[in-house]
Amino acid sequence: MSLSTEQLLQKAVLNITGPGGDVGTQDFGGAGQAPLSIEQVTQFIELMAAEQVLLGDVRTVTSMSAKWQESIISFADRITRPGIEATRLAPSDRKKPTTGIVEISTVLVRAEIPVSDEVFEDNVAGQNLTASLERLITDRFGFDLEDLFANGDTTSSDDYLAQLDGWLITAKNDGHPIDGSTYGQDYQEIFRVLLNTMPKRYLRNRQQLRYYVPVTLEQKYRDILASRGTPLGDQLLMGNTPLTYQGIPITPAPSIDAGIVSGSPDTTSVLLSHRDNLYAGYHRQMKFETWRDPREGATSFIVTARVDAKVAVPDATVIAYDVDVEV
């Protein structure tokens, strides 16, 4: 059976499979089609996260519901007691796990990018232009989500960031906040204070902890260390050796740079947290569609998602705010 004119206009299937069959956004859908399948949503999230710092590092949670709960369980203190043969522990010596709920309540985000017919007609790349656009859109959409997750603040004057409270503001409101303005650009002291402030029960696995910082701060700290007349200073000056403080990785994220507050001086935040303590929540009813409207002479690339950011255990976060990053 032949397609109607409307169906032909809607027939815009994404296909950005790379050389050798590399995974891309192929078959993500077309205008008027159903939401992406579970496998396609997973693939789309992986593609976004692959190009971002925080999205690829934190805990990803998904659900078919727009609002759901994630259970957490832990032991706050010692559970082991001296044993007596054939005797149960006294009731006071028996320990129950501490349980909790993280409630994910997603907000709607949407991107729409119209590209004129003339751009496609005049571009020598031909069909490869569509593939490039789809990759760029996926990358930028991922960065925008990371910006929202990190810098979201319901008191913000920015309508996009005001949709939810992100990881940084949640850590400041409910975790252990430290006024970083008193330390100037002594970043090593800031790292030390953050580590000393973190409750000791969360320090058992330091390799899973992260100092999340803006790229600007990481570069300045690298320059400070490189200025020292030591072999390590020379190595940091000549190479790109990952930085750590007492074994904890210092992770620079451009999305945190996006939240730098201009002033005298420019200020930012430094977050110390377990990487799995930060939740990136996605409602699985996501869409990546295209729509060509001949009346406008343009094809629109449209991405729609419902997302949320949460900190599972705010007590396990320490944040320094108003940290000087003046260049």
C-alpha atoms as a PDB file:
ATOM      1  CA  MET A   1       0.000   0.000   0.000  1.00  0.00           C
ATOM      2  CA  SER A   2       1.393   3.420  -0.933  1.00  0.00           C
ATOM      3  CA  LEU A   3       2.145   6.008   1.728  1.00  0.00           C
ATOM      4  CA  SER A   4       0.029   9.127   2.058  1.00  0.00           C
ATOM      5  CA  THR A   5       1.626  12.548   1.606  1.00  0.00           C
ATOM      6  CA  GLU A   6       1.536  13.098   5.372  1.00  0.00           C
ATOM      7  CA  GLN A   7       3.222   9.752   6.011  1.00  0.00           C
ATOM      8  CA  LEU A   8       5.921  10.574   3.495  1.00  0.00           C
ATOM      9  CA  LEU A   9       6.587  13.894   5.244  1.00  0.00           C
ATOM     10  CA  GLN A  10       6.880  12.060   8.551  1.00  0.00           C
ATOM     11  CA  LYS A  11       9.215   9.394   7.185  1.00  0.00           C
ATOM     12  CA  ALA A  12      12.464  10.715   8.714  1.00  0.00           C
ATOM     13  CA  VAL A  13      14.447   7.885  10.279  1.00  0.00           C
ATOM     14  CA  LEU A  14      17.713   8.694  12.070  1.00  0.00           C
ATOM     15  CA  ASN A  15      20.749   6.692  11.058  1.00  0.00           C
ATOM     16  CA  ILE A  16      24.251   7.587  12.236  1.00  0.00           C
ATOM     17  CA  THR A  17      25.887   4.200  12.318  1.00  0.00           C
ATOM     18  CA  GLY A  18      29.611   4.872  12.028  1.00  0.00           C
ATOM     19  CA  PRO A  19      32.279   3.094   9.967  1.00  0.00           C
ATOM     20  CA  GLY A  20      32.475  -0.602  10.663  1.00  0.00           C
ATOM     21  CA  GLY A  21      28.998  -0.639  12.212  1.00  0.00           C
ATOM     22  CA  ASP A  22      29.815   1.542  15.247  1.00  0.00           C
ATOM     23  CA  VAL A  23      26.829   2.102  17.498  1.00  0.00           C
ATOM     24  CA  GLY A  24      24.973   5.310  16.735  1.00  0.00           C
ATOM     25  CA  THR A  25      21.486   6.728  17.074  1.00  0.00           C
ATOM     26  CA  GLN A  26      20.093   4.677  14.232  1.00  0.00           C
ATOM     27  CA  ASP A  27      16.366   3.950  14.391  1.00  0.00           C
ATOM     28  CA  PHE A  28      15.849   6.409  17.255  1.00  0.00           C
ATOM     29  CA  GLY A  29      12.543   7.207  15.609  1.00  0.00           C
ATOM     30  CA  GLY A  30      10.660   9.589  13.400  1.00  0.00           C
ATOM     31  CA  ALA A  31       7.962  12.177  13.869  1.00  0.00           C
ATOM     32  CA  GLY A  32       4.716  10.731  15.148  1.00  0.00           C
ATOM     33  CA  GLN A  33       6.297   7.434  16.199  1.00  0.00           C
ATOM     34  CA  ALA A  34       6.151   5.900  19.664  1.00  0.00           C
ATOM     35  CA  PRO A  35       8.751   6.744  22.345  1.00  0.00           C
ATOM     36  CA  LEU A  36      12.119   5.054  22.086  1.00  0.00           C
ATOM     37  CA  SER A  37      12.310   1.442  23.169  1.00  0.00           C
ATOM     38  CA  ILE A  38      14.079   0.546  26.413  1.00  0.00           C
ATOM     39  CA  GLU A  39      17.143  -0.540  24.450  1.00  0.00           C
ATOM     40  CA  GLN A  40      17.142   2.683  22.439  1.00  0.00           C
ATOM     41  CA  VAL A  41      16.811   4.846  25.565  1.00  0.00           C
ATOM     42  CA  THR A  42      19.705   2.965  27.157  1.00  0.00           C
ATOM     43  CA  GLN A  43      21.749   3.491  24.009  1.00  0.00           C
ATOM     44  CA  PHE A  44      20.869   7.196  23.890  1.00  0.00           C
ATOM     45  CA  ILE A  45      21.857   7.704  27.539  1.00  0.00           C
ATOM     46  CA  GLU A  46      25.136   5.885  26.926  1.00  0.00           C
ATOM     47  CA  LEU A  47      25.855   8.081  23.907  1.00  0.00           C
ATOM     48  CA  MET A  48      25.190  11.228  25.933  1.00  0.00           C
ATOM     49  CA  ALA A  49      27.229  10.071  28.918  1.00  0.00           C
ATOM     50  CA  ALA A  50      30.187   9.011  26.787  1.00  0.00           C
ATOM     51  CA  GLU A  51      30.940  12.649  25.935  1.00  0.00           C
ATOM     52  CA  GLN A  52      30.305  14.102  29.405  1.00  0.00           C
ATOM     53  CA  VAL A  53      32.302  13.949  32.635  1.00  0.00           C
ATOM     54  CA  LEU A  54      29.671  13.695  35.349  1.00  0.00           C
ATOM     55  CA  LEU A  55      27.012  11.744  33.452  1.00  0.00           C
ATOM     56  CA  GLY A  56      29.553   9.024  32.774  1.00  0.00           C
ATOM     57  CA  ASP A  57      30.695   8.925  36.399  1.00  0.00           C
ATOM     58  CA  VAL A  58      27.579   9.147  38.557  1.00  0.00           C
ATOM     59  CA  ARG A  59      24.807   6.606  39.143  1.00  0.00           C
ATOM     60  CA  THR A  60      22.227   6.288  36.357  1.00  0.00           C
ATOM     61  CA  VAL A  61      18.698   5.224  37.328  1.00  0.00           C
ATOM     62  CA  THR A  62      15.735   4.774  34.995  1.00  0.00           C
ATOM     63  CA  SER A  63      12.074   3.904  35.225  1.00  0.00           C
ATOM     64  CA  MET A  64       9.002   3.592  33.021  1.00  0.00           C
ATOM     65  CA  SER A  65       7.304   5.958  35.481  1.00  0.00           C
ATOM     66  CA  ALA A  66       7.802   9.718  35.542  1.00  0.00           C
ATOM     67  CA  LYS A  67       8.026   9.575  39.340  1.00  0.00           C
ATOM     68  CA  TRP A  68       9.451   6.688  41.323  1.00  0.00           C
ATOM     69  CA  GLN A  69      11.468   5.716  44.388  1.00  0.00           C
ATOM     70  CA  GLU A  70      14.912   4.183  44.715  1.00  0.00           C
ATOM     71  CA  SER A  71      15.679   2.244  47.905  1.00  0.00           C
ATOM     72  CA  ILE A  72      18.961   2.653  49.763  1.00  0.00           C
ATOM     73  CA  ILE A  73      20.283   0.479  52.583  1.00  0.00           C
ATOM     74  CA  SER A  74      23.393   0.706  54.762  1.00  0.00           C
ATOM     75  CA  PHE A  75      24.818   0.100  58.225  1.00  0.00           C
ATOM     76  CA  ALA A  76      25.791   3.232  60.106  1.00  0.00           C
ATOM     77  CA  ASP A  77      27.924   1.518  62.750  1.00  0.00           C
ATOM     78  CA  ARG A  78      29.300  -1.821  64.004  1.00  0.00           C
ATOM     79  CA  ILE A  79      27.068  -4.886  63.646  1.00  0.00           C
ATOM     80  CA  THR A  80      29.428  -7.488  65.172  1.00  0.00           C
ATOM     81  CA  ARG A  81      29.488  -8.400  68.867  1.00  0.00           C
ATOM     82  CA  PRO A  82      31.264 -11.025  71.029  1.00  0.00           C
ATOM     83  CA  GLY A  83      29.649 -14.434  70.513  1.00  0.00           C
ATOM     84  CA  ILE A  84      28.661 -17.111  73.010  1.00  0.00           C
ATOM     85  CA  GLU A  85      28.300 -20.686  71.827  1.00  0.00           C
ATOM     86  CA  ALA A  86      24.689 -21.750  71.112  1.00  0.00           C
ATOM     87  CA  THR A  87      23.399 -18.379  72.341  1.00  0.00           C
ATOM     88  CA  ARG A  88      21.674 -15.654  70.407  1.00  0.00           C
ATOM     89  CA  LEU A  89      22.830 -12.103  70.760  1.00  0.00           C
ATOM     90  CA  ALA A  90      20.875  -9.975  73.172  1.00  0.00           C
ATOM     91  CA  PRO A  91      18.210  -7.811  71.525  1.00  0.00           C
ATOM     92  CA  SER A  92      20.271  -4.702  72.213  1.00  0.00           C
ATOM     93  CA  ASP A  93      23.199  -6.235  70.267  1.00  0.00           C
ATOM     94  CA  ARG A  94      21.210  -7.068  67.148  1.00  0.00           C
ATOM     95  CA  LYS A  95      21.529  -4.429  64.433  1.00  0.00           C
ATOM     96  CA  LYS A  96      19.056  -3.532  61.754  1.00  0.00           C
ATOM     97  CA  PRO A  97      20.210  -1.885  58.544  1.00  0.00           C
ATOM     98  CA  THR A  98      19.432   1.750  57.969  1.00  0.00           C
ATOM     99  CA  THR A  99      17.044   2.081  55.063  1.00  0.00           C
ATOM    100  CA  GLY A 100      15.892   5.062  53.075  1.00  0.00           C
ATOM    101  CA  ILE A 101      14.121   6.206  49.956  1.00  0.00           C
ATOM    102  CA  VAL A 102      15.340   8.448  47.167  1.00  0.00           C
ATOM    103  CA  GLU A 103      12.364   9.912  45.361  1.00  0.00           C
ATOM    104  CA  ILE A 104      12.917  10.683  41.683  1.00  0.00           C
ATOM    105  CA  SER A 105      10.408  13.200  40.317  1.00  0.00           C
ATOM    106  CA  THR A 106      11.256  14.115  36.750  1.00  0.00           C
ATOM    107  CA  VAL A 107      10.842  17.405  34.918  1.00  0.00           C
ATOM    108  CA  LEU A 108      10.290  17.822  31.179  1.00  0.00           C
ATOM    109  CA  VAL A 109      13.108  19.096  28.965  1.00  0.00           C
ATOM    110  CA  ARG A 110      12.993  19.560  25.220  1.00  0.00           C
ATOM    111  CA  ALA A 111      15.330  20.600  22.427  1.00  0.00           C
ATOM    112  CA  GLU A 112      14.214  21.603  18.930  1.00  0.00           C
ATOM    113  CA  ILE A 113      16.741  22.395  16.196  1.00  0.00           C
ATOM    114  CA  PRO A 114      15.367  23.481  12.798  1.00  0.00           C
ATOM    115  CA  VAL A 115      17.738  23.175   9.813  1.00  0.00           C
ATOM    116  CA  SER A 116      16.743  24.722   6.482  1.00  0.00           C
ATOM    117  CA  ASP A 117      16.542  22.717   3.270  1.00  0.00           C
ATOM    118  CA  GLU A 118      19.191  24.982   1.766  1.00  0.00           C
ATOM    119  CA  VAL A 119      21.725  23.926   4.384  1.00  0.00           C
ATOM    120  CA  PHE A 120      21.329  20.310   3.288  1.00  0.00           C
ATOM    121  CA  GLU A 121      21.280  21.188  -0.417  1.00  0.00           C
ATOM    122  CA  ASP A 122      24.392  23.388  -0.292  1.00  0.00           C
ATOM    123  CA  ASN A 123      26.462  21.194   2.001  1.00  0.00           C
ATOM    124  CA  VAL A 124      29.006  19.006   0.235  1.00  0.00           C
ATOM    125  CA  ALA A 125      28.809  16.485   3.074  1.00  0.00           C
ATOM    126  CA  GLY A 126      25.410  15.356   1.826  1.00  0.00           C
ATOM    127  CA  GLN A 127      23.838  12.712   4.051  1.00  0.00           C
ATOM    128  CA  ASN A 128      26.840  12.867   6.353  1.00  0.00           C
ATOM    129  CA  LEU A 129      25.578  16.265   7.519  1.00  0.00           C
ATOM    130  CA  THR A 130      22.550  14.594   9.079  1.00  0.00           C
ATOM    131  CA  ALA A 131      24.803  12.142  10.879  1.00  0.00           C
ATOM    132  CA  SER A 132      27.002  14.973  12.154  1.00  0.00           C
ATOM    133  CA  LEU A 133      23.982  16.944  13.327  1.00  0.00           C
ATOM    134  CA  GLU A 134      22.588  13.966  15.222  1.00  0.00           C
ATOM    135  CA  ARG A 135      25.899  13.332  16.972  1.00  0.00           C
ATOM    136  CA  LEU A 136      26.271  17.011  17.880  1.00  0.00           C
ATOM    137  CA  ILE A 137      22.689  17.214  19.152  1.00  0.00           C
ATOM    138  CA  THR A 138      23.145  14.115  21.306  1.00  0.00           C
ATOM    139  CA  ASP A 139      26.403  15.504  22.713  1.00  0.00           C
ATOM    140  CA  ARG A 140      25.000  18.965  23.420  1.00  0.00           C
ATOM    141  CA  PHE A 141      21.767  17.595  24.890  1.00  0.00           C
ATOM    142  CA  GLY A 142      23.884  15.491  27.257  1.00  0.00           C
ATOM    143  CA  PHE A 143      25.927  18.522  28.301  1.00  0.00           C
ATOM    144  CA  ASP A 144      22.766  20.550  28.908  1.00  0.00           C
ATOM    145  CA  LEU A 145      21.399  17.768  31.113  1.00  0.00           C
ATOM    146  CA  GLU A 146      24.665  17.625  33.049  1.00  0.00           C
ATOM    147  CA  ASP A 147      24.495  21.403  33.483  1.00  0.00           C
ATOM    148  CA  LEU A 148      20.969  21.049  34.909  1.00  0.00           C
ATOM    149  CA  PHE A 149      21.934  18.123  37.148  1.00  0.00           C
ATOM    150  CA  ALA A 150      24.976  19.923  38.544  1.00  0.00           C
ATOM    151  CA  ASN A 151      23.811  23.553  38.679  1.00  0.00           C
ATOM    152  CA  GLY A 152      20.034  23.265  38.956  1.00  0.00           C
ATOM    153  CA  ASP A 153      18.599  25.631  41.570  1.00  0.00           C
ATOM    154  CA  THR A 154      14.886  26.269  42.017  1.00  0.00           C
ATOM    155  CA  THR A 155      15.691  29.836  43.137  1.00  0.00           C
ATOM    156  CA  SER A 156      17.638  30.592  39.946  1.00  0.00           C
ATOM    157  CA  SER A 157      16.546  33.359  37.561  1.00  0.00           C
ATOM    158  CA  ASP A 158      17.406  30.992  34.706  1.00  0.00           C
ATOM    159  CA  ASP A 159      14.163  29.190  33.776  1.00  0.00           C
ATOM    160  CA  TYR A 160      16.026  26.076  32.667  1.00  0.00           C
ATOM    161  CA  LEU A 161      18.112  25.715  35.836  1.00  0.00           C
ATOM    162  CA  ALA A 162      15.129  26.600  38.041  1.00  0.00           C
ATOM    163  CA  GLN A 163      13.378  23.331  37.155  1.00  0.00           C
ATOM    164  CA  LEU A 164      15.064  21.358  39.941  1.00  0.00           C
ATOM    165  CA  ASP A 165      17.713  21.461  42.662  1.00  0.00           C
ATOM    166  CA  GLY A 166      20.877  19.838  41.342  1.00  0.00           C
ATOM    167  CA  TRP A 167      23.716  18.061  43.109  1.00  0.00           C
ATOM    168  CA  LEU A 168      25.633  21.189  44.142  1.00  0.00           C
ATOM    169  CA  ILE A 169      22.734  23.093  45.705  1.00  0.00           C
ATOM    170  CA  THR A 170      21.431  19.928  47.397  1.00  0.00           C
ATOM    171  CA  ALA A 171      24.850  19.308  48.942  1.00  0.00           C
ATOM    172  CA  LYS A 172      24.969  22.934  50.088  1.00  0.00           C
ATOM    173  CA  ASN A 173      21.460  22.862  51.590  1.00  0.00           C
ATOM    174  CA  ASP A 174      21.451  19.365  53.100  1.00  0.00           C
ATOM    175  CA  GLY A 175      25.089  18.220  53.282  1.00  0.00           C
ATOM    176  CA  HIS A 176      28.104  19.762  54.957  1.00  0.00           C
ATOM    177  CA  PRO A 177      28.719  23.225  53.463  1.00  0.00           C
ATOM    178  CA  ILE A 178      31.994  25.104  53.928  1.00  0.00           C
ATOM    179  CA  ASP A 179      32.575  28.781  53.119  1.00  0.00           C
ATOM    180  CA  GLY A 180      35.395  28.597  50.593  1.00  0.00           C
ATOM    181  CA  SER A 181      35.891  32.375  50.447  1.00  0.00           C
ATOM    182  CA  THR A 182      38.100  32.238  53.554  1.00  0.00           C
ATOM    183  CA  TYR A 183      40.749  30.133  51.758  1.00  0.00           C
ATOM    184  CA  GLY A 184      41.362  32.279  48.680  1.00  0.00           C
ATOM    185  CA  GLN A 185      43.052  30.155  46.002  1.00  0.00           C
ATOM    186  CA  ASP A 186      44.644  27.749  48.464  1.00  0.00           C
ATOM    187  CA  TYR A 187      42.970  24.797  46.790  1.00  0.00           C
ATOM    188  CA  GLN A 188      45.040  22.196  48.596  1.00  0.00           C
ATOM    189  CA  GLU A 189      43.749  23.541  51.897  1.00  0.00           C
ATOM    190  CA  ILE A 190      40.196  23.419  50.544  1.00  0.00           C
ATOM    191  CA  PHE A 191      40.663  19.760  49.577  1.00  0.00           C
ATOM    192  CA  ARG A 192      42.070  19.054  53.034  1.00  0.00           C
ATOM    193  CA  VAL A 193      39.185  20.745  54.852  1.00  0.00           C
ATOM    194  CA  LEU A 194      36.600  18.953  52.727  1.00  0.00           C
ATOM    195  CA  LEU A 195      38.209  15.599  53.450  1.00  0.00           C
ATOM    196  CA  ASN A 196      38.455  16.304  57.195  1.00  0.00           C
ATOM    197  CA  THR A 197      34.799  17.376  57.273  1.00  0.00           C
ATOM    198  CA  MET A 198      33.484  14.251  55.543  1.00  0.00           C
ATOM    199  CA  PRO A 199      32.017  11.874  58.185  1.00  0.00           C
ATOM    200  CA  LYS A 200      34.590   9.141  58.675  1.00  0.00           C
ATOM    201  CA  ARG A 201      32.198   6.268  57.949  1.00  0.00           C
ATOM    202  CA  TYR A 202      32.085   7.394  54.316  1.00  0.00           C
ATOM    203  CA  LEU A 203      35.863   7.326  53.842  1.00  0.00           C
ATOM    204  CA  ARG A 204      36.413   3.569  53.683  1.00  0.00           C
ATOM    205  CA  ASN A 205      36.624   3.386  49.882  1.00  0.00           C
ATOM    206  CA  ARG A 206      38.465   6.490  48.759  1.00  0.00           C
ATOM    207  CA  GLN A 207      38.748   5.318  45.156  1.00  0.00           C
ATOM    208  CA  GLN A 208      34.978   5.779  44.834  1.00  0.00           C
ATOM    209  CA  LEU A 209      35.136   9.303  46.231  1.00  0.00           C
ATOM    210  CA  ARG A 210      35.542  12.275  43.906  1.00  0.00           C
ATOM    211  CA  TYR A 211      36.442  15.929  44.190  1.00  0.00           C
ATOM    212  CA  TYR A 212      34.220  17.434  41.497  1.00  0.00           C
ATOM    213  CA  VAL A 213      35.640  20.769  40.383  1.00  0.00           C
ATOM    214  CA  PRO A 214      35.372  23.138  37.397  1.00  0.00           C
ATOM    215  CA  VAL A 215      38.023  22.776  34.712  1.00  0.00           C
ATOM    216  CA  THR A 216      39.182  26.322  35.499  1.00  0.00           C
ATOM    217  CA  LEU A 217      40.060  25.359  39.075  1.00  0.00           C
ATOM    218  CA  GLU A 218      41.756  22.117  38.040  1.00  0.00           C
ATOM    219  CA  GLN A 219      43.961  24.019  35.587  1.00  0.00           C
ATOM    220  CA  LYS A 220      44.900  26.626  38.184  1.00  0.00           C
ATOM    221  CA  TYR A 221      45.700  23.951  40.762  1.00  0.00           C
ATOM    222  CA  ARG A 222      47.770  22.081  38.179  1.00  0.00           C
ATOM    223  CA  ASP A 223      49.747  25.273  37.483  1.00  0.00           C
ATOM    224  CA  ILE A 224      50.313  25.788  41.207  1.00  0.00           C
ATOM    225  CA  LEU A 225      51.694  22.268  41.592  1.00  0.00           C
ATOM    226  CA  ALA A 226      53.734  22.574  38.390  1.00  0.00           C
ATOM    227  CA  SER A 227      55.435  25.727  39.673  1.00  0.00           C
ATOM    228  CA  ARG A 228      57.102  23.722  42.417  1.00  0.00           C
ATOM    229  CA  GLY A 229      60.696  22.731  41.693  1.00  0.00           C
ATOM    230  CA  THR A 230      60.055  18.993  42.007  1.00  0.00           C
ATOM    231  CA  PRO A 231      59.892  16.048  39.584  1.00  0.00           C
ATOM    232  CA  LEU A 232      56.133  15.940  40.146  1.00  0.00           C
ATOM    233  CA  GLY A 233      55.901  19.618  39.225  1.00  0.00           C
ATOM    234  CA  ASP A 234      57.778  18.980  35.978  1.00  0.00           C
ATOM    235  CA  GLN A 235      55.535  16.014  35.177  1.00  0.00           C
ATOM    236  CA  LEU A 236      52.368  18.056  35.727  1.00  0.00           C
ATOM    237  CA  LEU A 237      53.760  20.872  33.593  1.00  0.00           C
ATOM    238  CA  MET A 238      54.695  18.654  30.653  1.00  0.00           C
ATOM    239  CA  GLY A 239      51.913  16.074  30.735  1.00  0.00           C
ATOM    240  CA  ASN A 240      48.273  15.518  31.594  1.00  0.00           C
ATOM    241  CA  THR A 241      48.634  13.317  34.665  1.00  0.00           C
ATOM    242  CA  PRO A 242      45.288  12.969  36.527  1.00  0.00           C
ATOM    243  CA  LEU A 243      45.335  14.861  39.810  1.00  0.00           C
ATOM    244  CA  THR A 244      44.477  13.360  43.181  1.00  0.00           C
ATOM    245  CA  TYR A 245      44.468  14.527  46.769  1.00  0.00           C
ATOM    246  CA  GLN A 246      45.298  11.804  49.307  1.00  0.00           C
ATOM    247  CA  GLY A 247      44.317   9.196  46.740  1.00  0.00           C
ATOM    248  CA  ILE A 248      40.967  10.795  45.836  1.00  0.00           C
ATOM    249  CA  PRO A 249      40.647  11.745  42.151  1.00  0.00           C
ATOM    250  CA  ILE A 250      40.144  15.421  41.334  1.00  0.00           C
ATOM    251  CA  THR A 251      37.605  15.358  38.504  1.00  0.00           C
ATOM    252  CA  PRO A 252      37.273  18.498  36.362  1.00  0.00           C
ATOM    253  CA  ALA A 253      33.849  19.008  34.747  1.00  0.00           C
ATOM    254  CA  PRO A 254      33.061  21.727  32.192  1.00  0.00           C
ATOM    255  CA  SER A 255      29.446  21.699  33.369  1.00  0.00           C
ATOM    256  CA  ILE A 256      30.577  23.054  36.746  1.00  0.00           C
ATOM    257  CA  ASP A 257      32.398  25.828  34.878  1.00  0.00           C
ATOM    258  CA  ALA A 258      28.996  26.715  33.417  1.00  0.00           C
ATOM    259  CA  GLY A 259      27.884  27.525  36.967  1.00  0.00           C
ATOM    260  CA  ILE A 260      30.799  29.853  37.816  1.00  0.00           C
ATOM    261  CA  VAL A 261      29.421  33.097  39.274  1.00  0.00           C
ATOM    262  CA  SER A 262      30.986  36.225  37.823  1.00  0.00           C
ATOM    263  CA  GLY A 263      32.105  38.782  40.371  1.00  0.00           C
ATOM    264  CA  SER A 264      35.116  40.117  42.218  1.00  0.00           C
ATOM    265  CA  PRO A 265      36.378  37.422  42.337  1.00  0.00           C
ATOM    266  CA  ASP A 266      34.642  34.836  40.167  1.00  0.00           C
ATOM    267  CA  THR A 267      33.464  32.014  42.421  1.00  0.00           C
ATOM    268  CA  THR A 268      32.581  28.351  42.120  1.00  0.00           C
ATOM    269  CA  SER A 269      31.923  25.214  44.175  1.00  0.00           C
ATOM    270  CA  VAL A 270      34.001  22.120  44.952  1.00  0.00           C
ATOM    271  CA  LEU A 271      32.061  18.972  45.824  1.00  0.00           C
ATOM    272  CA  LEU A 272      33.394  15.901  47.625  1.00  0.00           C
ATOM    273  CA  SER A 273      31.097  12.890  47.296  1.00  0.00           C
ATOM    274  CA  HIS A 274      30.967   9.204  46.545  1.00  0.00           C
ATOM    275  CA  ARG A 275      30.303   8.909  42.805  1.00  0.00           C
ATOM    276  CA  ASP A 276      27.334   6.546  43.322  1.00  0.00           C
ATOM    277  CA  ASN A 277      25.809   9.013  45.780  1.00  0.00           C
ATOM    278  CA  LEU A 278      24.815  11.271  42.881  1.00  0.00           C
ATOM    279  CA  TYR A 279      21.788  10.053  40.948  1.00  0.00           C
ATOM    280  CA  ALA A 280      20.922  10.937  37.351  1.00  0.00           C
ATOM    281  CA  GLY A 281      17.302   9.874  36.831  1.00  0.00           C
ATOM    282  CA  TYR A 282      15.678   9.301  33.434  1.00  0.00           C
ATOM    283  CA  HIS A 283      12.081   8.512  32.599  1.00  0.00           C
ATOM    284  CA  ARG A 284      12.296   5.878  29.851  1.00  0.00           C
ATOM    285  CA  GLN A 285       9.633   7.545  27.712  1.00  0.00           C
ATOM    286  CA  MET A 286      12.233   9.505  25.736  1.00  0.00           C
ATOM    287  CA  LYS A 287      11.954  10.668  22.130  1.00  0.00           C
ATOM    288  CA  PHE A 288      14.435  11.628  19.413  1.00  0.00           C
ATOM    289  CA  GLU A 289      12.438  12.618  16.351  1.00  0.00           C
ATOM    290  CA  THR A 290      12.735  14.520  13.090  1.00  0.00           C
ATOM    291  CA  TRP A 291      10.044  16.467  11.284  1.00  0.00           C
ATOM    292  CA  ARG A 292      10.262  18.145   7.912  1.00  0.00           C
ATOM    293  CA  ASP A 293       7.733  20.921   7.300  1.00  0.00           C
ATOM    294  CA  PRO A 294       7.689  21.968   3.618  1.00  0.00           C
ATOM    295  CA  ARG A 295       5.872  25.188   4.551  1.00  0.00           C
ATOM    296  CA  GLU A 296       8.942  26.293   6.516  1.00  0.00           C
ATOM    297  CA  GLY A 297      11.405  24.572   4.227  1.00  0.00           C
ATOM    298  CA  ALA A 298      13.182  23.086   7.233  1.00  0.00           C
ATOM    299  CA  THR A 299      13.748  19.835   9.065  1.00  0.00           C
ATOM    300  CA  SER A 300      13.511  19.961  12.847  1.00  0.00           C
ATOM    301  CA  PHE A 301      15.461  17.620  15.100  1.00  0.00           C
ATOM    302  CA  ILE A 302      13.521  17.203  18.362  1.00  0.00           C
ATOM    303  CA  VAL A 303      14.656  15.599  21.622  1.00  0.00           C
ATOM    304  CA  THR A 304      12.263  15.197  24.547  1.00  0.00           C
ATOM    305  CA  ALA A 305      13.068  13.732  27.970  1.00  0.00           C
ATOM    306  CA  ARG A 306      11.949  13.762  31.596  1.00  0.00           C
ATOM    307  CA  VAL A 307      14.821  13.827  34.067  1.00  0.00           C
ATOM    308  CA  ASP A 308      15.794  14.468  37.672  1.00  0.00           C
ATOM    309  CA  ALA A 309      18.938  14.746  39.794  1.00  0.00           C
ATOM    310  CA  LYS A 310      19.166  13.597  43.379  1.00  0.00           C
ATOM    311  CA  VAL A 311      21.742  13.087  46.124  1.00  0.00           C
ATOM    312  CA  ALA A 312      21.019   9.743  47.793  1.00  0.00           C
ATOM    313  CA  VAL A 313      22.688  10.523  51.142  1.00  0.00           C
ATOM    314  CA  PRO A 314      23.295  14.271  51.563  1.00  0.00           C
ATOM    315  CA  ASP A 315      25.185  13.539  54.809  1.00  0.00           C
ATOM    316  CA  ALA A 316      27.852  11.910  52.636  1.00  0.00           C
ATOM    317  CA  THR A 317      28.556  15.129  50.743  1.00  0.00           C
ATOM    318  CA  VAL A 318      30.805  18.053  51.626  1.00  0.00           C
ATOM    319  CA  ILE A 319      30.860  21.174  49.492  1.00  0.00           C
ATOM    320  CA  ALA A 320      32.959  24.318  49.504  1.00  0.00           C
ATOM    321  CA  TYR A 321      31.051  27.257  48.022  1.00  0.00           C
ATOM    322  CA  ASP A 322      32.243  30.742  46.984  1.00  0.00           C
ATOM    323  CA  VAL A 323      35.653  29.342  46.040  1.00  0.00           C
ATOM    324  CA  ASP A 324      37.870  31.890  44.280  1.00  0.00           C
ATOM    325  CA  VAL A 325      38.624  30.986  40.642  1.00  0.00           C
ATOM    326  CA  GLU A 326      39.570  34.459  39.458  1.00  0.00           C
ATOM    327  CA  VAL A 327      41.964  34.159  36.508  1.00  0.00           C
END
